[in-house]
């Protein structure tokens, strides 16, 4: 799989971190940007394709040489399946065959896990926001805590997600993330102004695994 931080250059990460810090000075909200190489191993998908490919190879071999011993055909089935399973271990190849619904559910599940694992739900005002980009799937997930979700409804989340996904497809991921962070920052600043004793509860740096 690709490196979890390859989506952004060093300059991109610095730019995003600066925007996170800038927005958090305007609000008590907390913004976290996370990049993961993939949201799932997709072993089930790889195994399914491998099984189908192996059977197809076996059929072809048998059709071309019907007199071959059954053991030889079975070896062809096995080797064909192994070859396809290995090929789908390459992220660029796997990404082309993954069903859209499968990737979306995987990314949403991974974002939910990261939201809780990284303590984004534990901010004082329940105003943590996770923006997660999953590179293999070229998909984005936005998760906001209860306080944020009350003011930025589903339509708002989907609009930001769509903007970032389109930017990723144009190889302008950093631009899309910066724009989304600024827009979310405007909403947070309007509803959750900074407290006099406000502290930075979550890291500003772009996170990766």
N, C-alpha and C. Protein backbone atom coordinates (compact mmCIF):
# COMPACT_ATOMS: atom_id res chain seq x y z
N UNK A 1 0.84 -1.19 0.00
CA UNK A 1 0.00 0.00 0.00
C UNK A 1 0.88 1.25 0.00
N UNK A 2 0.29 2.38 -0.37
CA UNK A 2 1.05 3.61 -0.42
C UNK A 2 1.30 4.14 0.97
N UNK A 3 2.31 4.99 1.07
CA UNK A 3 2.63 5.62 2.35
C UNK A 3 1.49 6.51 2.79
N UNK A 4 1.15 6.46 4.08
CA UNK A 4 0.01 7.21 4.59
C UNK A 4 0.14 8.71 4.52
N UNK A 5 1.37 9.23 4.31
CA UNK A 5 1.54 10.67 4.23
C UNK A 5 1.87 11.13 2.82
N UNK A 6 1.83 10.23 1.83
CA UNK A 6 2.24 10.57 0.47
C UNK A 6 1.27 11.53 -0.21
N UNK A 7 0.07 11.63 0.28
CA UNK A 7 -0.93 12.50 -0.34
C UNK A 7 -0.52 13.96 -0.27
N UNK A 8 0.22 14.34 0.78
CA UNK A 8 0.63 15.72 0.96
C UNK A 8 2.15 15.84 0.96
N UNK A 9 2.67 16.87 0.35
CA UNK A 9 4.08 17.18 0.44
C UNK A 9 4.36 17.80 1.81
N UNK A 10 5.64 17.99 2.11
CA UNK A 10 6.00 18.65 3.37
C UNK A 10 5.40 20.06 3.42
N UNK A 11 5.45 20.75 2.29
CA UNK A 11 4.88 22.10 2.24
C UNK A 11 3.37 22.07 2.44
N UNK A 12 2.70 21.06 1.85
CA UNK A 12 1.24 20.93 2.03
C UNK A 12 0.90 20.73 3.50
N UNK A 13 1.64 19.85 4.16
CA UNK A 13 1.36 19.58 5.56
C UNK A 13 1.55 20.84 6.41
N UNK A 14 2.62 21.59 6.12
CA UNK A 14 2.84 22.82 6.85
C UNK A 14 1.71 23.82 6.64
N UNK A 15 1.25 23.89 5.41
CA UNK A 15 0.14 24.80 5.09
C UNK A 15 -1.14 24.40 5.82
N UNK A 16 -1.44 23.11 5.81
CA UNK A 16 -2.66 22.62 6.48
C UNK A 16 -2.56 22.85 7.98
N UNK A 17 -1.41 22.55 8.56
CA UNK A 17 -1.23 22.74 10.00
C UNK A 17 -1.38 24.21 10.38
N UNK A 18 -0.91 25.10 9.52
CA UNK A 18 -1.08 26.52 9.78
C UNK A 18 -2.53 26.93 9.77
N UNK A 19 -3.30 26.37 8.83
CA UNK A 19 -4.73 26.69 8.76
C UNK A 19 -5.46 26.14 9.97
N UNK A 20 -5.12 24.93 10.40
CA UNK A 20 -5.74 24.36 11.61
C UNK A 20 -5.49 25.28 12.80
N UNK A 21 -4.25 25.70 12.98
CA UNK A 21 -3.92 26.57 14.12
C UNK A 21 -4.66 27.91 14.01
N UNK A 22 -4.74 28.44 12.81
CA UNK A 22 -5.42 29.72 12.60
C UNK A 22 -6.90 29.62 12.93
N UNK A 23 -7.54 28.55 12.46
CA UNK A 23 -8.98 28.39 12.73
C UNK A 23 -9.24 28.16 14.22
N UNK A 24 -8.36 27.44 14.87
CA UNK A 24 -8.58 27.13 16.28
C UNK A 24 -8.36 28.35 17.18
N UNK A 25 -7.69 29.37 16.68
CA UNK A 25 -7.58 30.62 17.44
C UNK A 25 -8.90 31.38 17.43
N UNK A 26 -9.77 31.03 16.47
CA UNK A 26 -11.05 31.74 16.33
C UNK A 26 -12.19 31.05 17.06
N UNK A 27 -11.92 29.87 17.60
CA UNK A 27 -13.02 29.06 18.13
C UNK A 27 -12.53 28.13 19.23
N UNK A 28 -13.46 27.62 20.01
CA UNK A 28 -13.12 26.58 20.99
C UNK A 28 -13.16 25.20 20.35
N UNK A 29 -13.50 25.13 19.06
CA UNK A 29 -13.52 23.85 18.36
C UNK A 29 -12.12 23.32 18.13
N UNK A 30 -12.04 22.02 17.87
CA UNK A 30 -10.75 21.36 17.63
C UNK A 30 -10.82 20.60 16.31
N UNK A 31 -9.84 20.84 15.44
CA UNK A 31 -9.79 20.23 14.12
C UNK A 31 -8.63 19.25 14.02
N UNK A 32 -8.89 18.07 13.53
CA UNK A 32 -7.85 17.05 13.36
C UNK A 32 -7.89 16.55 11.92
N UNK A 33 -6.73 16.59 11.25
CA UNK A 33 -6.62 16.07 9.89
C UNK A 33 -5.79 14.79 9.94
N UNK A 34 -6.33 13.72 9.38
CA UNK A 34 -5.68 12.41 9.42
C UNK A 34 -5.62 11.83 8.01
N UNK A 35 -4.46 11.27 7.65
CA UNK A 35 -4.31 10.57 6.37
C UNK A 35 -3.96 9.12 6.66
N UNK A 36 -4.73 8.19 6.09
CA UNK A 36 -4.42 6.76 6.25
C UNK A 36 -4.17 6.16 4.88
N UNK A 37 -3.27 5.16 4.78
CA UNK A 37 -3.01 4.53 3.47
C UNK A 37 -4.24 3.86 2.90
N UNK A 38 -5.02 3.19 3.76
CA UNK A 38 -6.26 2.55 3.34
C UNK A 38 -7.11 2.33 4.58
N UNK A 39 -8.38 2.11 4.37
CA UNK A 39 -9.30 1.94 5.50
C UNK A 39 -9.60 0.49 5.81
N UNK A 40 -9.08 -0.43 4.98
CA UNK A 40 -9.37 -1.84 5.17
C UNK A 40 -8.32 -2.64 4.39
N UNK A 41 -8.12 -3.89 4.78
CA UNK A 41 -7.23 -4.75 4.00
C UNK A 41 -7.93 -5.34 2.79
N UNK A 42 -9.27 -5.36 2.82
CA UNK A 42 -10.09 -5.89 1.72
C UNK A 42 -9.71 -7.32 1.35
N UNK A 43 -9.38 -8.10 2.36
CA UNK A 43 -9.01 -9.49 2.09
C UNK A 43 -10.16 -10.26 1.44
N UNK A 44 -11.38 -9.95 1.83
CA UNK A 44 -12.52 -10.66 1.25
C UNK A 44 -12.64 -10.39 -0.24
N UNK A 45 -12.40 -9.14 -0.64
CA UNK A 45 -12.48 -8.79 -2.06
C UNK A 45 -11.35 -9.49 -2.82
N UNK A 46 -10.15 -9.44 -2.26
CA UNK A 46 -9.01 -10.08 -2.92
C UNK A 46 -9.23 -11.59 -3.07
N UNK A 47 -9.76 -12.22 -2.03
CA UNK A 47 -9.99 -13.66 -2.09
C UNK A 47 -11.08 -14.02 -3.10
N UNK A 48 -12.11 -13.18 -3.17
CA UNK A 48 -13.19 -13.46 -4.12
C UNK A 48 -12.68 -13.38 -5.55
N UNK A 49 -11.92 -12.33 -5.86
CA UNK A 49 -11.37 -12.20 -7.21
C UNK A 49 -10.38 -13.32 -7.51
N UNK A 50 -9.59 -13.69 -6.48
CA UNK A 50 -8.62 -14.77 -6.67
C UNK A 50 -9.32 -16.09 -6.98
N UNK A 51 -10.40 -16.38 -6.27
CA UNK A 51 -11.14 -17.62 -6.50
C UNK A 51 -11.73 -17.65 -7.91
N UNK A 52 -12.32 -16.53 -8.32
CA UNK A 52 -12.91 -16.47 -9.67
C UNK A 52 -11.84 -16.61 -10.75
N UNK A 53 -10.70 -15.94 -10.52
CA UNK A 53 -9.62 -16.02 -11.50
C UNK A 53 -9.06 -17.44 -11.58
N UNK A 54 -8.90 -18.08 -10.43
CA UNK A 54 -8.39 -19.44 -10.42
C UNK A 54 -9.30 -20.38 -11.18
N UNK A 55 -10.60 -20.26 -10.96
CA UNK A 55 -11.55 -21.11 -11.68
C UNK A 55 -11.51 -20.83 -13.18
N UNK A 56 -11.38 -19.56 -13.53
CA UNK A 56 -11.31 -19.20 -14.95
C UNK A 56 -10.07 -19.81 -15.60
N UNK A 57 -8.94 -19.74 -14.91
CA UNK A 57 -7.70 -20.33 -15.44
C UNK A 57 -7.87 -21.84 -15.61
N UNK A 58 -8.48 -22.47 -14.61
CA UNK A 58 -8.70 -23.91 -14.70
C UNK A 58 -9.57 -24.28 -15.90
N UNK A 59 -10.62 -23.50 -16.14
CA UNK A 59 -11.50 -23.76 -17.28
C UNK A 59 -10.75 -23.60 -18.60
N UNK A 60 -9.93 -22.56 -18.67
CA UNK A 60 -9.17 -22.31 -19.90
C UNK A 60 -8.18 -23.44 -20.17
N UNK A 61 -7.44 -23.82 -19.10
CA UNK A 61 -6.45 -24.90 -19.25
C UNK A 61 -7.13 -26.20 -19.67
N UNK A 62 -8.25 -26.50 -19.04
CA UNK A 62 -8.96 -27.75 -19.38
C UNK A 62 -9.49 -27.70 -20.81
N UNK A 63 -9.99 -26.54 -21.23
CA UNK A 63 -10.52 -26.42 -22.58
C UNK A 63 -9.42 -26.56 -23.62
N UNK A 64 -8.24 -26.03 -23.31
CA UNK A 64 -7.14 -26.06 -24.27
C UNK A 64 -6.44 -27.43 -24.30
N UNK A 65 -6.46 -28.12 -23.15
CA UNK A 65 -5.78 -29.42 -23.09
C UNK A 65 -6.61 -30.38 -22.24
N UNK A 66 -7.73 -30.85 -22.78
CA UNK A 66 -8.64 -31.70 -22.00
C UNK A 66 -8.02 -33.02 -21.53
N UNK A 67 -6.92 -33.42 -22.12
CA UNK A 67 -6.29 -34.68 -21.72
C UNK A 67 -5.39 -34.53 -20.51
N UNK A 68 -5.16 -33.32 -20.07
CA UNK A 68 -4.27 -33.10 -18.92
C UNK A 68 -4.82 -33.78 -17.68
N UNK A 69 -3.91 -34.23 -16.83
CA UNK A 69 -4.29 -34.84 -15.57
C UNK A 69 -5.01 -33.82 -14.69
N UNK A 70 -5.98 -34.26 -13.93
CA UNK A 70 -6.75 -33.35 -13.07
C UNK A 70 -5.86 -32.61 -12.08
N UNK A 71 -4.79 -33.25 -11.63
CA UNK A 71 -3.89 -32.61 -10.68
C UNK A 71 -3.22 -31.39 -11.30
N UNK A 72 -2.90 -31.48 -12.59
CA UNK A 72 -2.28 -30.36 -13.29
C UNK A 72 -3.27 -29.19 -13.38
N UNK A 73 -4.51 -29.51 -13.69
CA UNK A 73 -5.54 -28.47 -13.78
C UNK A 73 -5.74 -27.80 -12.42
N UNK A 74 -5.73 -28.60 -11.37
CA UNK A 74 -5.89 -28.04 -10.03
C UNK A 74 -4.72 -27.12 -9.67
N UNK A 75 -3.53 -27.50 -10.09
CA UNK A 75 -2.38 -26.63 -9.86
C UNK A 75 -2.53 -25.32 -10.62
N UNK A 76 -3.08 -25.38 -11.81
CA UNK A 76 -3.31 -24.16 -12.59
C UNK A 76 -4.32 -23.26 -11.89
N UNK A 77 -5.37 -23.89 -11.34
CA UNK A 77 -6.37 -23.13 -10.57
C UNK A 77 -5.71 -22.44 -9.39
N UNK A 78 -4.91 -23.20 -8.66
CA UNK A 78 -4.26 -22.66 -7.46
C UNK A 78 -3.31 -21.52 -7.81
N UNK A 79 -2.45 -21.74 -8.80
CA UNK A 79 -1.46 -20.72 -9.16
C UNK A 79 -2.11 -19.47 -9.74
N UNK A 80 -3.17 -19.68 -10.50
CA UNK A 80 -3.89 -18.52 -11.04
C UNK A 80 -4.50 -17.68 -9.94
N UNK A 81 -5.09 -18.35 -8.95
CA UNK A 81 -5.68 -17.64 -7.82
C UNK A 81 -4.63 -16.91 -7.01
N UNK A 82 -3.50 -17.57 -6.76
CA UNK A 82 -2.42 -16.95 -5.99
C UNK A 82 -1.89 -15.71 -6.71
N UNK A 83 -1.73 -15.80 -8.02
CA UNK A 83 -1.20 -14.68 -8.79
C UNK A 83 -2.13 -13.47 -8.71
N UNK A 84 -3.43 -13.70 -8.83
CA UNK A 84 -4.38 -12.58 -8.77
C UNK A 84 -4.45 -12.01 -7.36
N UNK A 85 -4.39 -12.88 -6.35
CA UNK A 85 -4.41 -12.40 -4.96
C UNK A 85 -3.20 -11.50 -4.71
N UNK A 86 -2.04 -11.91 -5.20
CA UNK A 86 -0.84 -11.10 -5.02
C UNK A 86 -0.94 -9.80 -5.80
N UNK A 87 -1.46 -9.86 -6.99
CA UNK A 87 -1.60 -8.65 -7.81
C UNK A 87 -2.48 -7.62 -7.13
N UNK A 88 -3.55 -8.11 -6.49
CA UNK A 88 -4.47 -7.19 -5.81
C UNK A 88 -3.90 -6.67 -4.49
N UNK A 89 -2.71 -7.13 -4.14
CA UNK A 89 -2.02 -6.55 -2.99
C UNK A 89 -1.37 -5.22 -3.33
N UNK A 90 -1.35 -4.88 -4.61
CA UNK A 90 -0.84 -3.59 -5.07
C UNK A 90 -1.99 -2.59 -5.00
N UNK A 91 -1.80 -1.55 -4.23
CA UNK A 91 -2.89 -0.60 -3.99
C UNK A 91 -3.50 -0.03 -5.25
N UNK A 92 -2.66 0.34 -6.22
CA UNK A 92 -3.16 0.96 -7.44
C UNK A 92 -4.07 0.01 -8.22
N UNK A 93 -3.78 -1.30 -8.13
CA UNK A 93 -4.61 -2.30 -8.82
C UNK A 93 -5.89 -2.55 -8.02
N UNK A 94 -5.73 -2.76 -6.73
CA UNK A 94 -6.90 -3.04 -5.90
C UNK A 94 -7.91 -1.90 -5.95
N UNK A 95 -7.41 -0.67 -5.92
CA UNK A 95 -8.31 0.48 -5.92
C UNK A 95 -9.22 0.53 -7.14
N UNK A 96 -8.80 -0.09 -8.24
CA UNK A 96 -9.59 -0.05 -9.47
C UNK A 96 -10.74 -1.06 -9.48
N UNK A 97 -10.69 -2.04 -8.61
CA UNK A 97 -11.72 -3.08 -8.65
C UNK A 97 -12.64 -3.05 -7.42
N UNK A 98 -12.35 -2.20 -6.47
CA UNK A 98 -13.16 -2.17 -5.26
C UNK A 98 -14.55 -1.60 -5.54
N UNK A 99 -15.61 -2.25 -5.07
CA UNK A 99 -16.96 -1.70 -5.23
C UNK A 99 -17.11 -0.42 -4.42
N UNK A 100 -17.79 0.57 -4.98
CA UNK A 100 -17.95 1.85 -4.32
C UNK A 100 -18.60 1.76 -2.94
N UNK A 101 -19.66 0.96 -2.83
CA UNK A 101 -20.36 0.84 -1.55
C UNK A 101 -19.45 0.22 -0.50
N UNK A 102 -18.63 -0.72 -0.92
CA UNK A 102 -17.71 -1.39 0.02
C UNK A 102 -16.67 -0.41 0.54
N UNK A 103 -16.11 0.41 -0.35
CA UNK A 103 -15.09 1.36 0.09
C UNK A 103 -15.69 2.43 0.99
N UNK A 104 -16.88 2.90 0.66
CA UNK A 104 -17.50 3.95 1.46
C UNK A 104 -17.75 3.47 2.88
N UNK A 105 -18.27 2.25 3.02
CA UNK A 105 -18.54 1.73 4.36
C UNK A 105 -17.25 1.51 5.12
N UNK A 106 -16.18 1.08 4.42
CA UNK A 106 -14.90 0.86 5.07
C UNK A 106 -14.31 2.17 5.58
N UNK A 107 -14.39 3.21 4.77
CA UNK A 107 -13.85 4.52 5.17
C UNK A 107 -14.64 5.09 6.34
N UNK A 108 -15.95 4.99 6.29
CA UNK A 108 -16.77 5.50 7.39
C UNK A 108 -16.46 4.75 8.69
N UNK A 109 -16.31 3.44 8.59
CA UNK A 109 -16.00 2.65 9.79
C UNK A 109 -14.64 3.03 10.35
N UNK A 110 -13.65 3.18 9.47
CA UNK A 110 -12.31 3.55 9.93
C UNK A 110 -12.32 4.93 10.58
N UNK A 111 -13.05 5.86 9.98
CA UNK A 111 -13.13 7.21 10.56
C UNK A 111 -13.77 7.18 11.94
N UNK A 112 -14.80 6.37 12.10
CA UNK A 112 -15.45 6.25 13.41
C UNK A 112 -14.47 5.70 14.43
N UNK A 113 -13.71 4.68 14.04
CA UNK A 113 -12.74 4.08 14.95
C UNK A 113 -11.67 5.10 15.35
N UNK A 114 -11.17 5.86 14.37
CA UNK A 114 -10.13 6.85 14.65
C UNK A 114 -10.66 7.99 15.51
N UNK A 115 -11.90 8.36 15.29
CA UNK A 115 -12.53 9.44 16.06
C UNK A 115 -12.49 9.13 17.55
N UNK A 116 -12.78 7.90 17.89
CA UNK A 116 -12.78 7.52 19.30
C UNK A 116 -11.38 7.16 19.79
N UNK A 117 -10.59 6.49 18.96
CA UNK A 117 -9.25 6.09 19.38
C UNK A 117 -8.37 7.30 19.67
N UNK A 118 -8.56 8.39 18.95
CA UNK A 118 -7.74 9.58 19.13
C UNK A 118 -8.33 10.58 20.11
N UNK A 119 -9.40 10.21 20.78
CA UNK A 119 -9.97 11.05 21.82
C UNK A 119 -10.62 12.32 21.31
N UNK A 120 -11.05 12.34 20.05
CA UNK A 120 -11.65 13.55 19.49
C UNK A 120 -13.02 13.81 20.11
N UNK A 121 -13.61 12.80 20.68
CA UNK A 121 -14.91 12.95 21.33
C UNK A 121 -14.79 13.48 22.76
N UNK A 122 -13.57 13.71 23.22
CA UNK A 122 -13.37 14.08 24.62
C UNK A 122 -13.10 15.57 24.86
N UNK A 123 -13.28 16.40 23.85
CA UNK A 123 -13.03 17.82 24.06
C UNK A 123 -14.07 18.41 25.02
N UNK A 124 -13.68 19.49 25.67
CA UNK A 124 -14.52 20.05 26.72
C UNK A 124 -15.92 20.43 26.23
N UNK A 125 -16.00 21.04 25.06
CA UNK A 125 -17.29 21.50 24.54
C UNK A 125 -17.91 20.57 23.51
N UNK A 126 -17.33 19.36 23.39
CA UNK A 126 -17.81 18.38 22.40
C UNK A 126 -17.81 19.00 21.00
N UNK A 127 -16.70 19.65 20.66
CA UNK A 127 -16.60 20.35 19.38
C UNK A 127 -15.41 19.84 18.55
N UNK A 128 -15.04 18.59 18.73
CA UNK A 128 -13.96 18.01 17.93
C UNK A 128 -14.45 17.63 16.54
N UNK A 129 -13.60 17.84 15.55
CA UNK A 129 -13.91 17.47 14.15
C UNK A 129 -12.74 16.68 13.59
N UNK A 130 -13.04 15.54 13.00
CA UNK A 130 -12.04 14.72 12.32
C UNK A 130 -12.26 14.79 10.82
N UNK A 131 -11.21 15.15 10.09
CA UNK A 131 -11.23 15.11 8.64
C UNK A 131 -10.22 14.05 8.24
N UNK A 132 -10.72 12.91 7.76
CA UNK A 132 -9.84 11.78 7.42
C UNK A 132 -9.85 11.52 5.92
N UNK A 133 -8.66 11.44 5.35
CA UNK A 133 -8.50 11.09 3.94
C UNK A 133 -7.91 9.69 3.85
N UNK A 134 -8.56 8.82 3.09
CA UNK A 134 -8.09 7.45 2.91
C UNK A 134 -7.56 7.33 1.48
N UNK A 135 -6.25 7.13 1.36
CA UNK A 135 -5.59 7.25 0.06
C UNK A 135 -5.98 6.19 -0.96
N UNK A 136 -5.99 4.93 -0.55
CA UNK A 136 -6.32 3.86 -1.49
C UNK A 136 -7.67 4.10 -2.15
N UNK A 137 -8.65 4.45 -1.33
CA UNK A 137 -10.02 4.63 -1.82
C UNK A 137 -10.24 6.02 -2.42
N UNK A 138 -9.27 6.94 -2.20
CA UNK A 138 -9.42 8.33 -2.64
C UNK A 138 -10.75 8.89 -2.17
N UNK A 139 -11.01 8.64 -0.89
CA UNK A 139 -12.28 9.01 -0.28
C UNK A 139 -12.02 9.74 1.03
N UNK A 140 -12.98 10.57 1.40
CA UNK A 140 -12.85 11.42 2.58
C UNK A 140 -14.02 11.14 3.53
N UNK A 141 -13.74 11.22 4.82
CA UNK A 141 -14.80 11.14 5.83
C UNK A 141 -14.65 12.30 6.79
N UNK A 142 -15.76 12.90 7.17
CA UNK A 142 -15.79 13.98 8.14
C UNK A 142 -16.65 13.54 9.32
N UNK A 143 -16.07 13.60 10.51
CA UNK A 143 -16.82 13.25 11.70
C UNK A 143 -16.76 14.41 12.69
N UNK A 144 -17.91 14.86 13.14
CA UNK A 144 -17.96 15.92 14.13
C UNK A 144 -18.64 15.44 15.39
N UNK A 145 -18.19 15.95 16.52
CA UNK A 145 -18.80 15.58 17.79
C UNK A 145 -20.19 16.19 17.90
N UNK A 146 -20.88 15.85 18.99
CA UNK A 146 -22.29 16.21 19.13
C UNK A 146 -22.53 17.71 19.01
N UNK A 147 -21.66 18.51 19.61
CA UNK A 147 -21.85 19.95 19.57
C UNK A 147 -21.79 20.49 18.15
N UNK A 148 -20.84 20.02 17.37
CA UNK A 148 -20.68 20.50 16.00
C UNK A 148 -21.82 20.01 15.12
N UNK A 149 -22.20 18.77 15.32
CA UNK A 149 -23.24 18.18 14.46
C UNK A 149 -24.56 18.92 14.60
N UNK A 150 -24.78 19.55 15.75
CA UNK A 150 -26.04 20.29 15.94
C UNK A 150 -26.13 21.51 15.04
N UNK A 151 -24.97 22.05 14.64
CA UNK A 151 -25.00 23.27 13.82
C UNK A 151 -24.56 23.02 12.37
N UNK A 152 -23.84 21.93 12.12
CA UNK A 152 -23.42 21.59 10.76
C UNK A 152 -24.06 20.26 10.41
N UNK A 153 -25.23 20.33 9.80
CA UNK A 153 -26.02 19.12 9.58
C UNK A 153 -25.46 18.27 8.45
N UNK A 154 -26.14 17.16 8.16
CA UNK A 154 -25.64 16.21 7.17
C UNK A 154 -25.31 16.86 5.83
N UNK A 155 -26.17 17.82 5.41
CA UNK A 155 -25.93 18.46 4.12
C UNK A 155 -24.59 19.19 4.12
N UNK A 156 -24.28 19.83 5.25
CA UNK A 156 -23.02 20.55 5.36
C UNK A 156 -21.82 19.62 5.28
N UNK A 157 -21.91 18.50 6.00
CA UNK A 157 -20.81 17.53 5.96
C UNK A 157 -20.60 17.02 4.54
N UNK A 158 -21.69 16.66 3.88
CA UNK A 158 -21.59 16.09 2.54
C UNK A 158 -21.02 17.09 1.54
N UNK A 159 -21.38 18.36 1.70
CA UNK A 159 -20.84 19.38 0.79
C UNK A 159 -19.32 19.46 0.92
N UNK A 160 -18.82 19.48 2.15
CA UNK A 160 -17.38 19.56 2.37
C UNK A 160 -16.67 18.29 1.85
N UNK A 161 -17.27 17.15 2.12
CA UNK A 161 -16.68 15.89 1.65
C UNK A 161 -16.58 15.90 0.13
N UNK A 162 -17.65 16.30 -0.54
CA UNK A 162 -17.66 16.34 -1.99
C UNK A 162 -16.58 17.26 -2.55
N UNK A 163 -16.40 18.41 -1.91
CA UNK A 163 -15.38 19.36 -2.37
C UNK A 163 -13.98 18.76 -2.26
N UNK A 164 -13.71 18.10 -1.15
CA UNK A 164 -12.38 17.54 -0.94
C UNK A 164 -12.13 16.37 -1.89
N UNK A 165 -13.12 15.49 -2.06
CA UNK A 165 -12.96 14.35 -2.96
C UNK A 165 -12.66 14.83 -4.38
N UNK A 166 -13.36 15.87 -4.82
CA UNK A 166 -13.11 16.41 -6.15
C UNK A 166 -11.69 16.97 -6.24
N UNK A 167 -11.23 17.60 -5.19
CA UNK A 167 -9.86 18.14 -5.17
C UNK A 167 -8.83 17.02 -5.22
N UNK A 168 -9.10 15.92 -4.50
CA UNK A 168 -8.19 14.78 -4.53
C UNK A 168 -8.10 14.21 -5.94
N UNK A 169 -9.21 14.11 -6.62
CA UNK A 169 -9.22 13.57 -7.97
C UNK A 169 -8.46 14.47 -8.95
N UNK A 170 -8.38 15.76 -8.63
CA UNK A 170 -7.62 16.69 -9.48
C UNK A 170 -6.19 16.84 -8.99
N UNK A 171 -5.78 15.98 -8.05
CA UNK A 171 -4.44 16.05 -7.46
C UNK A 171 -4.19 17.40 -6.79
N UNK A 172 -5.24 17.94 -6.19
CA UNK A 172 -5.15 19.20 -5.45
C UNK A 172 -5.73 19.01 -4.05
N UNK A 173 -5.33 17.90 -3.44
CA UNK A 173 -5.92 17.52 -2.16
C UNK A 173 -5.73 18.60 -1.10
N UNK A 174 -4.54 19.19 -1.03
CA UNK A 174 -4.27 20.20 0.00
C UNK A 174 -5.20 21.40 -0.15
N UNK A 175 -5.44 21.83 -1.39
CA UNK A 175 -6.34 22.96 -1.62
C UNK A 175 -7.74 22.65 -1.10
N UNK A 176 -8.22 21.44 -1.39
CA UNK A 176 -9.55 21.06 -0.93
C UNK A 176 -9.65 21.00 0.57
N UNK A 177 -8.63 20.47 1.22
CA UNK A 177 -8.63 20.37 2.68
C UNK A 177 -8.59 21.76 3.30
N UNK A 178 -7.75 22.63 2.78
CA UNK A 178 -7.64 23.99 3.32
C UNK A 178 -8.98 24.72 3.20
N UNK A 179 -9.61 24.61 2.05
CA UNK A 179 -10.92 25.28 1.86
C UNK A 179 -11.96 24.75 2.84
N UNK A 180 -12.00 23.42 3.00
CA UNK A 180 -12.97 22.82 3.93
C UNK A 180 -12.69 23.26 5.36
N UNK A 181 -11.43 23.28 5.76
CA UNK A 181 -11.09 23.70 7.12
C UNK A 181 -11.50 25.15 7.37
N UNK A 182 -11.29 26.00 6.39
CA UNK A 182 -11.67 27.41 6.55
C UNK A 182 -13.17 27.55 6.67
N UNK A 183 -13.91 26.80 5.86
CA UNK A 183 -15.37 26.88 5.92
C UNK A 183 -15.91 26.32 7.23
N UNK A 184 -15.36 25.19 7.66
CA UNK A 184 -15.78 24.62 8.95
C UNK A 184 -15.38 25.56 10.08
N UNK A 185 -14.21 26.18 9.96
CA UNK A 185 -13.78 27.14 10.97
C UNK A 185 -14.74 28.30 11.09
N UNK A 186 -15.30 28.76 9.97
CA UNK A 186 -16.28 29.85 10.02
C UNK A 186 -17.50 29.45 10.84
N UNK A 187 -17.96 28.21 10.62
CA UNK A 187 -19.14 27.72 11.36
C UNK A 187 -18.81 27.61 12.85
N UNK A 188 -17.66 27.04 13.16
CA UNK A 188 -17.28 26.89 14.57
C UNK A 188 -17.10 28.24 15.25
N UNK A 189 -16.49 29.18 14.55
CA UNK A 189 -16.27 30.50 15.14
C UNK A 189 -17.59 31.20 15.44
N UNK A 190 -18.57 31.01 14.58
CA UNK A 190 -19.87 31.66 14.78
C UNK A 190 -20.63 31.07 15.96
N UNK A 191 -20.48 29.78 16.19
CA UNK A 191 -21.27 29.11 17.23
C UNK A 191 -20.48 28.77 18.49
N UNK A 192 -19.16 28.64 18.35
CA UNK A 192 -18.32 28.25 19.49
C UNK A 192 -17.10 29.16 19.59
N UNK A 193 -17.31 30.42 20.00
CA UNK A 193 -16.17 31.33 20.12
C UNK A 193 -15.18 30.82 21.16
N UNK A 194 -13.91 31.24 21.07
CA UNK A 194 -12.91 30.75 22.03
C UNK A 194 -13.23 31.22 23.45
N UNK A 195 -12.94 30.38 24.41
CA UNK A 195 -13.10 30.74 25.82
C UNK A 195 -11.85 31.50 26.30
N UNK A 196 -12.00 32.29 27.35
CA UNK A 196 -10.82 32.98 27.89
C UNK A 196 -9.72 31.99 28.33
N UNK A 197 -10.14 30.84 28.82
CA UNK A 197 -9.16 29.84 29.29
C UNK A 197 -8.99 28.70 28.28
N UNK A 198 -9.25 28.99 27.01
CA UNK A 198 -9.19 27.95 25.99
C UNK A 198 -7.78 27.36 25.87
N UNK A 199 -7.72 26.05 25.69
CA UNK A 199 -6.44 25.37 25.49
C UNK A 199 -6.52 24.53 24.22
N UNK A 200 -5.35 24.22 23.67
CA UNK A 200 -5.30 23.39 22.48
C UNK A 200 -5.35 21.93 22.92
N UNK A 201 -6.52 21.30 22.76
CA UNK A 201 -6.75 19.98 23.32
C UNK A 201 -6.28 18.84 22.40
N UNK A 202 -6.14 19.11 21.11
CA UNK A 202 -5.74 18.06 20.18
C UNK A 202 -4.63 18.61 19.26
N UNK A 203 -3.78 17.73 18.75
CA UNK A 203 -2.63 18.19 17.93
C UNK A 203 -3.07 18.86 16.63
N UNK A 204 -2.33 19.89 16.23
CA UNK A 204 -2.61 20.59 14.96
C UNK A 204 -1.94 19.89 13.78
N UNK A 205 -0.89 19.12 14.03
CA UNK A 205 -0.14 18.49 12.95
C UNK A 205 -0.99 17.49 12.19
N UNK A 206 -0.76 17.38 10.88
CA UNK A 206 -1.44 16.36 10.07
C UNK A 206 -1.01 14.99 10.59
N UNK A 207 -1.99 14.19 10.95
CA UNK A 207 -1.72 12.87 11.51
C UNK A 207 -1.63 11.81 10.41
N UNK A 208 -0.83 10.79 10.63
CA UNK A 208 -0.72 9.69 9.67
C UNK A 208 -0.47 8.39 10.39
N UNK A 209 -0.70 7.28 9.72
CA UNK A 209 -0.45 5.97 10.33
C UNK A 209 0.42 5.15 9.40
